[in-house]
Amino acid sequence: MSGCCPGSQMQEFNKKVVKEEGKRESQLRQWPVQLHLVSPEAPYYKEADILISADCVAYTVADFHKDHLKDHSLAIACPKLDSNQEIYVEKIKNFMEVSDANTITVIIMQVPCCMGLVQIAKQALEKSSRKVPVKTIVVSLQGEILREEWL
């Protein structure tokens, strides 16, 4: 499939089978999680470290709950497929101003379309009267952290 969007290009990963033992506990602290459905006024966002994750990340990073979700309040979004993304800028801005977020981490896939979520966070930061530390994490298609940086 040459010429298609890298985010839509088919790839198959041949992974070795790893035996895992013991039940893992979910680190999810609230519901709902989809950015269209969440309210920045919800108590679990108040003064929280907020994780805004591209939809695909949790399926890619094996230890997503342990390494990224733990101790964070979550919102998820897809910058490629979600509609009405203008409201995302306002919601993230309200995480900064209404929720008094401690930090915001935006975790995305390495595919170009995921950068849209970082751009939305940058727009929210620019519009916000309250500056909150915003970190971005980029994940490879096979779940490895490629880079982390603060905006």
Foldseek 3Di string as FASTA:
>chain_A
DPPDFPVPDDDDDDDDDDDDDDDDDAQADDDDAELVPDALLDLLLAQFAAEEEEPCQVVQAPPCRPPPVHRHHHHYDHQVPDPPCVVVLVRLLCSVVVRVYQAYEYEYEPGPSRCSVVVSNVSSQVPHPGHHWYKYWYAYNNNHTPDIDID
